[in-house]
Amino acid sequence: MNIDALNLFMRSTELGNITAAGRELGLAPSVASHKLAKLEEYLGMRLLHRTTRQVSLTEDGALFLPHAIRVLAAVDEAYLVAVKGKDVAKRVLRVSAPGSFARMCLMPAITRFLHANPKLKIDLILSDQMQDLTEIGIDVAIRIAALKDSSLVARKLGCDRRILCAAPAYLQAHGEPTSPAELVNHSCILLGDEDHWRFVGARSHKVTAISGSLRVNCGESARLAAEGGLGIVSVSQWNVRPSLESGALVEIMPSCVLEQTRDIWAIYPSARLISSKARAFVEFMIAEFQGDF
């Protein structure tokens, strides 16, 4: 059985597209389609329903997929043992993640993962930068972004839902806005290069210009500034949850929904040889979070 074809089948189901999966593996669309057809011929079953835009699993494909994943994991384990040896240092998983997210959400999950996998070690590198993962030797990167690079192998962990918050002292001094239009009269804490907030309206998107006395490039710093009464902040729900529970911040304008443009991803540097340790880590995180932040 062709291992590359199994990998192509697995990625096609994850991406919902044979061409995209083939591109990750360096295959032309016609070659990718041929490989999958040969795999189906070898197995004597149809694995995927194909349309011009996407693919989906057949009943046989759904039954076969978990076996394919186990085969790929076994091959990778065999490679690790035979080629790289059993040195414990080889079992180190290098993970990169944004500092705030790692401290508030990822560390409890990593702790549970290591308890469940005592033979593994993790090197956790805290970074908010979109770096070349291969160049810096990262197995898995957790990133909060709107992904644009189709060459990345990415699995979605959840949505980065953002809400508007302010400190009770700020609202007492300046009043509480009830609509996006009123934000022009308030001090807003700016994150990154933002100069407006986009709201999802009943009929259209509403864009509101914002300004304030502080601009930061870190969501945790923006939250702390809001707690200090500097103004209104657009902040990730996972970031602000402890502050809401303690009363340091309160959510404002809950009926005015911010447009959500970012998700939380686990990213591999390459699909050609995804290690079993990296695959196990990502599958564990997907099960841990289940899209809920």
C-alpha atoms as a PDB file:
ATOM      1  CA  MET A   1       0.000   0.000   0.000  1.00  0.00           C
ATOM      2  CA  ASN A   2       1.361   3.424  -0.968  1.00  0.00           C
ATOM      3  CA  ILE A   3       2.088   5.500   2.145  1.00  0.00           C
ATOM      4  CA  ASP A   4       2.049   8.777   0.199  1.00  0.00           C
ATOM      5  CA  ALA A   5      -1.432   7.897  -1.075  1.00  0.00           C
ATOM      6  CA  LEU A   6      -2.621   7.290   2.500  1.00  0.00           C
ATOM      7  CA  ASN A   7      -1.212  10.660   3.576  1.00  0.00           C
ATOM      8  CA  LEU A   8      -2.892  12.308   0.588  1.00  0.00           C
ATOM      9  CA  PHE A   9      -6.210  10.640   1.466  1.00  0.00           C
ATOM     10  CA  MET A  10      -6.014  11.811   5.081  1.00  0.00           C
ATOM     11  CA  ARG A  11      -5.166  15.408   4.165  1.00  0.00           C
ATOM     12  CA  SER A  12      -7.873  15.481   1.477  1.00  0.00           C
ATOM     13  CA  THR A  13     -10.475  14.637   4.115  1.00  0.00           C
ATOM     14  CA  GLU A  14      -9.105  17.300   6.488  1.00  0.00           C
ATOM     15  CA  LEU A  15      -8.986  20.029   3.838  1.00  0.00           C
ATOM     16  CA  GLY A  16     -12.045  18.907   1.886  1.00  0.00           C
ATOM     17  CA  ASN A  17     -10.082  19.338  -1.334  1.00  0.00           C
ATOM     18  CA  ILE A  18      -7.772  16.967  -3.234  1.00  0.00           C
ATOM     19  CA  THR A  19      -5.947  19.750  -5.085  1.00  0.00           C
ATOM     20  CA  ALA A  20      -5.081  21.581  -1.841  1.00  0.00           C
ATOM     21  CA  ALA A  21      -3.902  18.349  -0.215  1.00  0.00           C
ATOM     22  CA  GLY A  22      -1.819  17.505  -3.254  1.00  0.00           C
ATOM     23  CA  ARG A  23      -0.255  20.964  -3.261  1.00  0.00           C
ATOM     24  CA  GLU A  24       0.939  20.433   0.323  1.00  0.00           C
ATOM     25  CA  LEU A  25       2.623  17.206  -0.775  1.00  0.00           C
ATOM     26  CA  GLY A  26       4.136  18.737  -3.892  1.00  0.00           C
ATOM     27  CA  LEU A  27       1.795  16.907  -6.290  1.00  0.00           C
ATOM     28  CA  ALA A  28       0.116  18.272  -9.391  1.00  0.00           C
ATOM     29  CA  PRO A  29      -3.717  17.997  -9.333  1.00  0.00           C
ATOM     30  CA  SER A  30      -3.751  15.241 -11.954  1.00  0.00           C
ATOM     31  CA  VAL A  31      -1.107  13.238 -10.070  1.00  0.00           C
ATOM     32  CA  ALA A  32      -2.986  13.616  -6.768  1.00  0.00           C
ATOM     33  CA  SER A  33      -6.258  12.435  -8.339  1.00  0.00           C
ATOM     34  CA  HIS A  34      -4.473   9.489  -9.929  1.00  0.00           C
ATOM     35  CA  LYS A  35      -2.887   8.460  -6.623  1.00  0.00           C
ATOM     36  CA  LEU A  36      -6.249   8.459  -4.866  1.00  0.00           C
ATOM     37  CA  ALA A  37      -7.863   6.540  -7.707  1.00  0.00           C
ATOM     38  CA  LYS A  38      -5.103   3.901  -7.496  1.00  0.00           C
ATOM     39  CA  LEU A  39      -5.598   3.638  -3.723  1.00  0.00           C
ATOM     40  CA  GLU A  40      -9.340   3.092  -4.214  1.00  0.00           C
ATOM     41  CA  GLU A  41      -8.620   0.525  -6.909  1.00  0.00           C
ATOM     42  CA  TYR A  42      -6.196  -1.289  -4.608  1.00  0.00           C
ATOM     43  CA  LEU A  43      -8.732  -1.359  -1.758  1.00  0.00           C
ATOM     44  CA  GLY A  44     -11.682  -2.160  -4.002  1.00  0.00           C
ATOM     45  CA  MET A  45     -13.805   0.589  -2.497  1.00  0.00           C
ATOM     46  CA  ARG A  46     -14.684   4.216  -3.122  1.00  0.00           C
ATOM     47  CA  LEU A  47     -13.292   6.395  -0.354  1.00  0.00           C
ATOM     48  CA  LEU A  48     -14.363   9.904  -1.385  1.00  0.00           C
ATOM     49  CA  HIS A  49     -17.327  11.624  -2.964  1.00  0.00           C
ATOM     50  CA  ARG A  50     -15.876  14.138  -5.435  1.00  0.00           C
ATOM     51  CA  THR A  51     -17.369  17.404  -6.697  1.00  0.00           C
ATOM     52  CA  THR A  52     -15.704  20.263  -8.550  1.00  0.00           C
ATOM     53  CA  ARG A  53     -15.151  22.160  -5.293  1.00  0.00           C
ATOM     54  CA  GLN A  54     -14.794  19.668  -2.486  1.00  0.00           C
ATOM     55  CA  VAL A  55     -14.653  16.062  -1.395  1.00  0.00           C
ATOM     56  CA  SER A  56     -16.386  14.210   1.403  1.00  0.00           C
ATOM     57  CA  LEU A  57     -16.027  10.759   2.878  1.00  0.00           C
ATOM     58  CA  THR A  58     -18.099   7.860   1.623  1.00  0.00           C
ATOM     59  CA  GLU A  59     -19.359   5.365   4.160  1.00  0.00           C
ATOM     60  CA  ASP A  60     -16.413   3.089   3.315  1.00  0.00           C
ATOM     61  CA  GLY A  61     -14.041   6.057   3.514  1.00  0.00           C
ATOM     62  CA  ALA A  62     -15.267   6.978   6.990  1.00  0.00           C
ATOM     63  CA  LEU A  63     -14.613   3.406   8.156  1.00  0.00           C
ATOM     64  CA  PHE A  64     -11.185   3.298   6.531  1.00  0.00           C
ATOM     65  CA  LEU A  65      -9.899   6.714   7.717  1.00  0.00           C
ATOM     66  CA  PRO A  66      -9.020   5.807  11.342  1.00  0.00           C
ATOM     67  CA  HIS A  67      -7.096   2.754  10.086  1.00  0.00           C
ATOM     68  CA  ALA A  68      -5.170   4.964   7.631  1.00  0.00           C
ATOM     69  CA  ILE A  69      -4.264   7.356  10.448  1.00  0.00           C
ATOM     70  CA  ARG A  70      -2.993   4.469  12.586  1.00  0.00           C
ATOM     71  CA  VAL A  71      -0.911   3.120   9.701  1.00  0.00           C
ATOM     72  CA  LEU A  72       0.701   6.525   9.139  1.00  0.00           C
ATOM     73  CA  ALA A  73       1.434   6.880  12.856  1.00  0.00           C
ATOM     74  CA  ALA A  74       2.968   3.378  12.937  1.00  0.00           C
ATOM     75  CA  VAL A  75       5.178   4.142   9.925  1.00  0.00           C
ATOM     76  CA  ASP A  76       6.368   7.339  11.545  1.00  0.00           C
ATOM     77  CA  GLU A  77       7.101   5.516  14.816  1.00  0.00           C
ATOM     78  CA  ALA A  78       9.071   2.877  12.919  1.00  0.00           C
ATOM     79  CA  TYR A  79      11.082   5.594  11.208  1.00  0.00           C
ATOM     80  CA  LEU A  80      11.765   7.299  14.510  1.00  0.00           C
ATOM     81  CA  VAL A  81      13.016   4.088  16.146  1.00  0.00           C
ATOM     82  CA  ALA A  82      14.980   2.718  13.202  1.00  0.00           C
ATOM     83  CA  VAL A  83      16.581   5.917  11.927  1.00  0.00           C
ATOM     84  CA  LYS A  84      16.758   8.263  14.870  1.00  0.00           C
ATOM     85  CA  GLY A  85      17.147   5.752  17.674  1.00  0.00           C
ATOM     86  CA  LYS A  86      15.532   5.597  21.079  1.00  0.00           C
ATOM     87  CA  ASP A  87      17.344   8.498  22.656  1.00  0.00           C
ATOM     88  CA  VAL A  88      14.943  10.341  24.940  1.00  0.00           C
ATOM     89  CA  ALA A  89      16.099  13.652  23.497  1.00  0.00           C
ATOM     90  CA  LYS A  90      14.587  12.595  20.163  1.00  0.00           C
ATOM     91  CA  ARG A  91      11.189  12.551  21.862  1.00  0.00           C
ATOM     92  CA  VAL A  92      11.190  16.288  22.460  1.00  0.00           C
ATOM     93  CA  LEU A  93       8.283  18.137  20.863  1.00  0.00           C
ATOM     94  CA  ARG A  94       9.011  21.789  20.087  1.00  0.00           C
ATOM     95  CA  VAL A  95       5.864  23.902  20.333  1.00  0.00           C
ATOM     96  CA  SER A  96       5.546  27.628  19.658  1.00  0.00           C
ATOM     97  CA  ALA A  97       2.591  29.656  20.943  1.00  0.00           C
ATOM     98  CA  PRO A  98       1.605  33.264  21.744  1.00  0.00           C
ATOM     99  CA  GLY A  99       2.623  34.146  25.280  1.00  0.00           C
ATOM    100  CA  SER A 100      -0.751  35.281  26.611  1.00  0.00           C
ATOM    101  CA  PHE A 101      -2.646  32.368  25.103  1.00  0.00           C
ATOM    102  CA  ALA A 102      -0.077  29.872  26.384  1.00  0.00           C
ATOM    103  CA  ARG A 103      -0.256  31.222  29.933  1.00  0.00           C
ATOM    104  CA  MET A 104      -4.045  31.406  30.096  1.00  0.00           C
ATOM    105  CA  CYS A 105      -5.246  28.478  27.971  1.00  0.00           C
ATOM    106  CA  LEU A 106      -2.506  26.207  26.710  1.00  0.00           C
ATOM    107  CA  MET A 107      -0.519  25.344  29.831  1.00  0.00           C
ATOM    108  CA  PRO A 108      -3.303  23.398  31.590  1.00  0.00           C
ATOM    109  CA  ALA A 109      -3.840  21.361  28.412  1.00  0.00           C
ATOM    110  CA  ILE A 110      -0.085  20.778  27.973  1.00  0.00           C
ATOM    111  CA  THR A 111       0.103  19.554  31.565  1.00  0.00           C
ATOM    112  CA  ARG A 112      -2.635  17.005  30.910  1.00  0.00           C
ATOM    113  CA  PHE A 113      -0.984  15.955  27.635  1.00  0.00           C
ATOM    114  CA  LEU A 114       2.355  15.274  29.341  1.00  0.00           C
ATOM    115  CA  HIS A 115       0.683  13.281  32.121  1.00  0.00           C
ATOM    116  CA  ALA A 116      -0.955  11.176  29.390  1.00  0.00           C
ATOM    117  CA  ASN A 117       2.311  10.844  27.424  1.00  0.00           C
ATOM    118  CA  PRO A 118       5.092  10.469  30.030  1.00  0.00           C
ATOM    119  CA  LYS A 119       7.726   9.454  27.442  1.00  0.00           C
ATOM    120  CA  LEU A 120       7.488  12.808  25.689  1.00  0.00           C
ATOM    121  CA  LYS A 121       9.059  16.135  26.557  1.00  0.00           C
ATOM    122  CA  ILE A 122       7.920  19.561  25.344  1.00  0.00           C
ATOM    123  CA  ASP A 123      10.001  22.632  24.625  1.00  0.00           C
ATOM    124  CA  LEU A 124       7.511  25.521  24.689  1.00  0.00           C
ATOM    125  CA  ILE A 125       8.661  28.668  22.900  1.00  0.00           C
ATOM    126  CA  LEU A 126       6.538  31.746  23.541  1.00  0.00           C
ATOM    127  CA  SER A 127       6.298  33.969  20.476  1.00  0.00           C
ATOM    128  CA  ASP A 128       3.631  36.070  18.786  1.00  0.00           C
ATOM    129  CA  GLN A 129       5.549  36.189  15.494  1.00  0.00           C
ATOM    130  CA  MET A 130       4.666  34.231  12.345  1.00  0.00           C
ATOM    131  CA  GLN A 131       8.115  32.674  11.848  1.00  0.00           C
ATOM    132  CA  ASP A 132       9.482  30.093   9.422  1.00  0.00           C
ATOM    133  CA  LEU A 133       8.772  26.948  11.447  1.00  0.00           C
ATOM    134  CA  THR A 134      11.257  24.745   9.618  1.00  0.00           C
ATOM    135  CA  GLU A 135      14.036  27.284  10.013  1.00  0.00           C
ATOM    136  CA  ILE A 136      13.648  27.471  13.796  1.00  0.00           C
ATOM    137  CA  GLY A 137      12.900  23.758  14.257  1.00  0.00           C
ATOM    138  CA  ILE A 138       9.282  23.973  15.454  1.00  0.00           C
ATOM    139  CA  ASP A 139       7.103  20.837  15.307  1.00  0.00           C
ATOM    140  CA  VAL A 140       3.786  22.580  15.996  1.00  0.00           C
ATOM    141  CA  ALA A 141       2.918  26.275  16.223  1.00  0.00           C
ATOM    142  CA  ILE A 142      -0.257  27.604  17.807  1.00  0.00           C
ATOM    143  CA  ARG A 143      -1.255  30.797  16.044  1.00  0.00           C
ATOM    144  CA  ILE A 144      -4.169  33.239  16.303  1.00  0.00           C
ATOM    145  CA  ALA A 145      -4.556  34.680  12.839  1.00  0.00           C
ATOM    146  CA  ALA A 146      -6.409  34.842   9.559  1.00  0.00           C
ATOM    147  CA  LEU A 147      -4.284  32.327   7.665  1.00  0.00           C
ATOM    148  CA  LYS A 148      -3.326  33.253   4.118  1.00  0.00           C
ATOM    149  CA  ASP A 149      -0.437  30.875   3.335  1.00  0.00           C
ATOM    150  CA  SER A 150      -1.981  27.813   1.681  1.00  0.00           C
ATOM    151  CA  SER A 151       1.327  25.925   1.985  1.00  0.00           C
ATOM    152  CA  LEU A 152       0.855  25.594   5.741  1.00  0.00           C
ATOM    153  CA  VAL A 153      -0.720  22.470   7.181  1.00  0.00           C
ATOM    154  CA  ALA A 154      -3.230  23.877   9.642  1.00  0.00           C
ATOM    155  CA  ARG A 155      -5.849  22.371  11.955  1.00  0.00           C
ATOM    156  CA  LYS A 156      -8.423  24.678  13.481  1.00  0.00           C
ATOM    157  CA  LEU A 157      -8.670  24.573  17.270  1.00  0.00           C
ATOM    158  CA  GLY A 158     -11.407  27.171  17.647  1.00  0.00           C
ATOM    159  CA  CYS A 159     -12.645  30.701  17.033  1.00  0.00           C
ATOM    160  CA  ASP A 160     -10.992  33.770  18.495  1.00  0.00           C
ATOM    161  CA  ARG A 161     -14.215  35.511  19.490  1.00  0.00           C
ATOM    162  CA  ARG A 162     -13.702  39.121  20.551  1.00  0.00           C
ATOM    163  CA  ILE A 163     -15.943  41.297  22.736  1.00  0.00           C
ATOM    164  CA  LEU A 164     -15.878  44.931  23.946  1.00  0.00           C
ATOM    165  CA  CYS A 165     -15.054  45.560  27.588  1.00  0.00           C
ATOM    166  CA  ALA A 166     -14.255  48.402  29.963  1.00  0.00           C
ATOM    167  CA  ALA A 167     -13.551  48.918  33.646  1.00  0.00           C
ATOM    168  CA  PRO A 168     -16.495  49.923  35.871  1.00  0.00           C
ATOM    169  CA  ALA A 169     -14.551  53.058  36.914  1.00  0.00           C
ATOM    170  CA  TYR A 170     -14.159  54.154  33.285  1.00  0.00           C
ATOM    171  CA  LEU A 171     -17.869  53.672  32.579  1.00  0.00           C
ATOM    172  CA  GLN A 172     -18.810  55.554  35.727  1.00  0.00           C
ATOM    173  CA  ALA A 173     -16.647  58.499  34.672  1.00  0.00           C
ATOM    174  CA  HIS A 174     -17.473  58.555  30.947  1.00  0.00           C
ATOM    175  CA  GLY A 175     -20.776  56.757  30.563  1.00  0.00           C
ATOM    176  CA  GLU A 176     -21.509  53.502  28.779  1.00  0.00           C
ATOM    177  CA  PRO A 177     -21.946  53.533  24.986  1.00  0.00           C
ATOM    178  CA  THR A 178     -24.972  51.690  23.640  1.00  0.00           C
ATOM    179  CA  SER A 179     -24.224  51.754  19.907  1.00  0.00           C
ATOM    180  CA  PRO A 180     -21.116  51.728  17.647  1.00  0.00           C
ATOM    181  CA  ALA A 181     -21.738  55.368  16.681  1.00  0.00           C
ATOM    182  CA  GLU A 182     -21.151  56.478  20.287  1.00  0.00           C
ATOM    183  CA  LEU A 183     -17.612  55.064  20.344  1.00  0.00           C
ATOM    184  CA  VAL A 184     -16.238  58.210  18.672  1.00  0.00           C
ATOM    185  CA  ASN A 185     -16.818  59.982  21.995  1.00  0.00           C
ATOM    186  CA  HIS A 186     -14.786  57.431  23.958  1.00  0.00           C
ATOM    187  CA  SER A 187     -11.140  56.552  24.485  1.00  0.00           C
ATOM    188  CA  CYS A 188     -10.417  53.171  22.926  1.00  0.00           C
ATOM    189  CA  ILE A 189      -7.325  51.040  23.504  1.00  0.00           C
ATOM    190  CA  LEU A 190      -5.806  50.209  20.122  1.00  0.00           C
ATOM    191  CA  LEU A 191      -4.359  46.765  19.454  1.00  0.00           C
ATOM    192  CA  GLY A 192      -1.730  46.392  16.741  1.00  0.00           C
ATOM    193  CA  ASP A 193      -2.463  48.514  13.696  1.00  0.00           C
ATOM    194  CA  GLU A 194      -6.233  48.720  14.174  1.00  0.00           C
ATOM    195  CA  ASP A 195      -7.955  52.081  13.721  1.00  0.00           C
ATOM    196  CA  HIS A 196     -11.533  50.847  13.401  1.00  0.00           C
ATOM    197  CA  TRP A 197     -13.859  48.131  14.648  1.00  0.00           C
ATOM    198  CA  ARG A 198     -16.215  46.356  12.297  1.00  0.00           C
ATOM    199  CA  PHE A 199     -19.621  45.281  13.567  1.00  0.00           C
ATOM    200  CA  VAL A 200     -22.020  42.787  12.052  1.00  0.00           C
ATOM    201  CA  GLY A 201     -25.338  44.557  11.535  1.00  0.00           C
ATOM    202  CA  ALA A 202     -28.744  43.204  10.614  1.00  0.00           C
ATOM    203  CA  ARG A 203     -28.290  44.360   7.027  1.00  0.00           C
ATOM    204  CA  SER A 204     -24.630  45.193   6.549  1.00  0.00           C
ATOM    205  CA  HIS A 205     -21.241  45.557   8.190  1.00  0.00           C
ATOM    206  CA  LYS A 206     -20.835  48.727  10.231  1.00  0.00           C
ATOM    207  CA  VAL A 207     -17.343  50.216  10.486  1.00  0.00           C
ATOM    208  CA  THR A 208     -16.599  52.535  13.375  1.00  0.00           C
ATOM    209  CA  ALA A 209     -13.415  54.631  13.583  1.00  0.00           C
ATOM    210  CA  ILE A 210     -11.706  54.481  16.988  1.00  0.00           C
ATOM    211  CA  SER A 211      -8.974  56.471  18.729  1.00  0.00           C
ATOM    212  CA  GLY A 212      -7.347  56.588  22.128  1.00  0.00           C
ATOM    213  CA  SER A 213      -4.258  57.420  24.150  1.00  0.00           C
ATOM    214  CA  LEU A 214      -2.658  53.965  24.048  1.00  0.00           C
ATOM    215  CA  ARG A 215      -1.708  51.515  21.293  1.00  0.00           C
ATOM    216  CA  VAL A 216      -0.143  48.136  22.166  1.00  0.00           C
ATOM    217  CA  ASN A 217       0.810  45.013  20.233  1.00  0.00           C
ATOM    218  CA  CYS A 218      -0.176  42.518  22.921  1.00  0.00           C
ATOM    219  CA  GLY A 219      -3.731  41.511  23.846  1.00  0.00           C
ATOM    220  CA  GLU A 220      -2.818  40.890  27.476  1.00  0.00           C
ATOM    221  CA  SER A 221      -1.378  44.409  27.790  1.00  0.00           C
ATOM    222  CA  ALA A 222      -4.512  45.842  26.189  1.00  0.00           C
ATOM    223  CA  ARG A 223      -6.652  44.039  28.756  1.00  0.00           C
ATOM    224  CA  LEU A 224      -4.522  45.301  31.644  1.00  0.00           C
ATOM    225  CA  ALA A 225      -4.775  48.854  30.307  1.00  0.00           C
ATOM    226  CA  ALA A 226      -8.545  48.525  30.215  1.00  0.00           C
ATOM    227  CA  GLU A 227      -8.555  47.228  33.789  1.00  0.00           C
ATOM    228  CA  GLY A 228      -6.638  50.383  34.714  1.00  0.00           C
ATOM    229  CA  GLY A 229      -9.457  52.519  33.347  1.00  0.00           C
ATOM    230  CA  LEU A 230      -7.742  53.787  30.179  1.00  0.00           C
ATOM    231  CA  GLY A 231     -10.699  53.046  27.941  1.00  0.00           C
ATOM    232  CA  ILE A 232     -12.687  50.505  25.974  1.00  0.00           C
ATOM    233  CA  VAL A 233     -10.932  47.461  24.543  1.00  0.00           C
ATOM    234  CA  SER A 234     -11.721  44.806  21.960  1.00  0.00           C
ATOM    235  CA  VAL A 235     -10.370  41.649  23.564  1.00  0.00           C
ATOM    236  CA  SER A 236     -10.447  37.891  23.023  1.00  0.00           C
ATOM    237  CA  GLN A 237     -13.007  36.093  25.131  1.00  0.00           C
ATOM    238  CA  TRP A 238     -10.394  33.603  26.410  1.00  0.00           C
ATOM    239  CA  ASN A 239      -8.205  36.525  27.482  1.00  0.00           C
ATOM    240  CA  VAL A 240     -10.859  38.468  29.353  1.00  0.00           C
ATOM    241  CA  ARG A 241     -12.758  35.657  31.076  1.00  0.00           C
ATOM    242  CA  PRO A 242     -10.962  35.942  34.482  1.00  0.00           C
ATOM    243  CA  SER A 243     -11.397  39.733  34.438  1.00  0.00           C
ATOM    244  CA  LEU A 244     -15.134  39.405  33.797  1.00  0.00           C
ATOM    245  CA  GLU A 245     -15.471  36.852  36.582  1.00  0.00           C
ATOM    246  CA  SER A 246     -13.629  39.087  39.062  1.00  0.00           C
ATOM    247  CA  GLY A 247     -15.506  42.241  38.020  1.00  0.00           C
ATOM    248  CA  ALA A 248     -12.329  44.047  36.931  1.00  0.00           C
ATOM    249  CA  LEU A 249     -13.967  44.456  33.506  1.00  0.00           C
ATOM    250  CA  VAL A 250     -17.534  44.326  32.250  1.00  0.00           C
ATOM    251  CA  GLU A 251     -18.756  43.545  28.776  1.00  0.00           C
ATOM    252  CA  ILE A 252     -20.410  46.454  26.983  1.00  0.00           C
ATOM    253  CA  MET A 253     -22.700  46.586  23.952  1.00  0.00           C
ATOM    254  CA  PRO A 254     -23.217  42.778  23.927  1.00  0.00           C
ATOM    255  CA  SER A 255     -25.901  43.090  21.251  1.00  0.00           C
ATOM    256  CA  CYS A 256     -23.393  44.769  18.874  1.00  0.00           C
ATOM    257  CA  VAL A 257     -21.420  41.814  17.563  1.00  0.00           C
ATOM    258  CA  LEU A 258     -17.854  42.404  16.395  1.00  0.00           C
ATOM    259  CA  GLU A 259     -16.931  40.829  13.082  1.00  0.00           C
ATOM    260  CA  GLN A 260     -14.724  37.841  13.830  1.00  0.00           C
ATOM    261  CA  THR A 261     -11.793  37.588  11.398  1.00  0.00           C
ATOM    262  CA  ARG A 262      -9.327  35.348  13.237  1.00  0.00           C
ATOM    263  CA  ASP A 263      -9.266  31.740  14.360  1.00  0.00           C
ATOM    264  CA  ILE A 264      -6.947  29.687  16.552  1.00  0.00           C
ATOM    265  CA  TRP A 265      -4.828  27.198  14.587  1.00  0.00           C
ATOM    266  CA  ALA A 266      -2.336  24.423  15.157  1.00  0.00           C
ATOM    267  CA  ILE A 267       0.174  24.618  12.305  1.00  0.00           C
ATOM    268  CA  TYR A 268       2.648  22.052  11.024  1.00  0.00           C
ATOM    269  CA  PRO A 269       5.658  23.127   8.978  1.00  0.00           C
ATOM    270  CA  SER A 270       5.230  20.299   6.431  1.00  0.00           C
ATOM    271  CA  ALA A 271       2.823  17.548   5.470  1.00  0.00           C
ATOM    272  CA  ARG A 272       5.513  15.252   4.083  1.00  0.00           C
ATOM    273  CA  LEU A 273       6.555  13.853   7.443  1.00  0.00           C
ATOM    274  CA  ILE A 274       4.236  14.853  10.250  1.00  0.00           C
ATOM    275  CA  SER A 275       5.651  13.126  13.306  1.00  0.00           C
ATOM    276  CA  SER A 276       3.417  10.951  15.419  1.00  0.00           C
ATOM    277  CA  LYS A 277       4.244  13.074  18.469  1.00  0.00           C
ATOM    278  CA  ALA A 278       3.097  16.247  16.668  1.00  0.00           C
ATOM    279  CA  ARG A 279      -0.027  14.549  15.360  1.00  0.00           C
ATOM    280  CA  ALA A 280      -0.844  13.207  18.834  1.00  0.00           C
ATOM    281  CA  PHE A 281      -0.352  16.658  20.384  1.00  0.00           C
ATOM    282  CA  VAL A 282      -2.660  18.385  17.905  1.00  0.00           C
ATOM    283  CA  GLU A 283      -5.369  15.715  18.145  1.00  0.00           C
ATOM    284  CA  PHE A 284      -5.204  16.024  21.935  1.00  0.00           C
ATOM    285  CA  MET A 285      -5.603  19.812  21.756  1.00  0.00           C
ATOM    286  CA  ILE A 286      -8.540  19.549  19.354  1.00  0.00           C
ATOM    287  CA  ALA A 287     -10.272  17.172  21.773  1.00  0.00           C
ATOM    288  CA  GLU A 288      -9.388  19.383  24.756  1.00  0.00           C
ATOM    289  CA  PHE A 289     -10.743  22.631  23.388  1.00  0.00           C
ATOM    290  CA  GLN A 290     -13.430  21.413  20.959  1.00  0.00           C
ATOM    291  CA  GLY A 291     -13.636  24.898  19.477  1.00  0.00           C
ATOM    292  CA  ASP A 292     -14.519  26.488  22.834  1.00  0.00           C
ATOM    293  CA  PHE A 293     -12.388  29.393  24.077  1.00  0.00           C
END
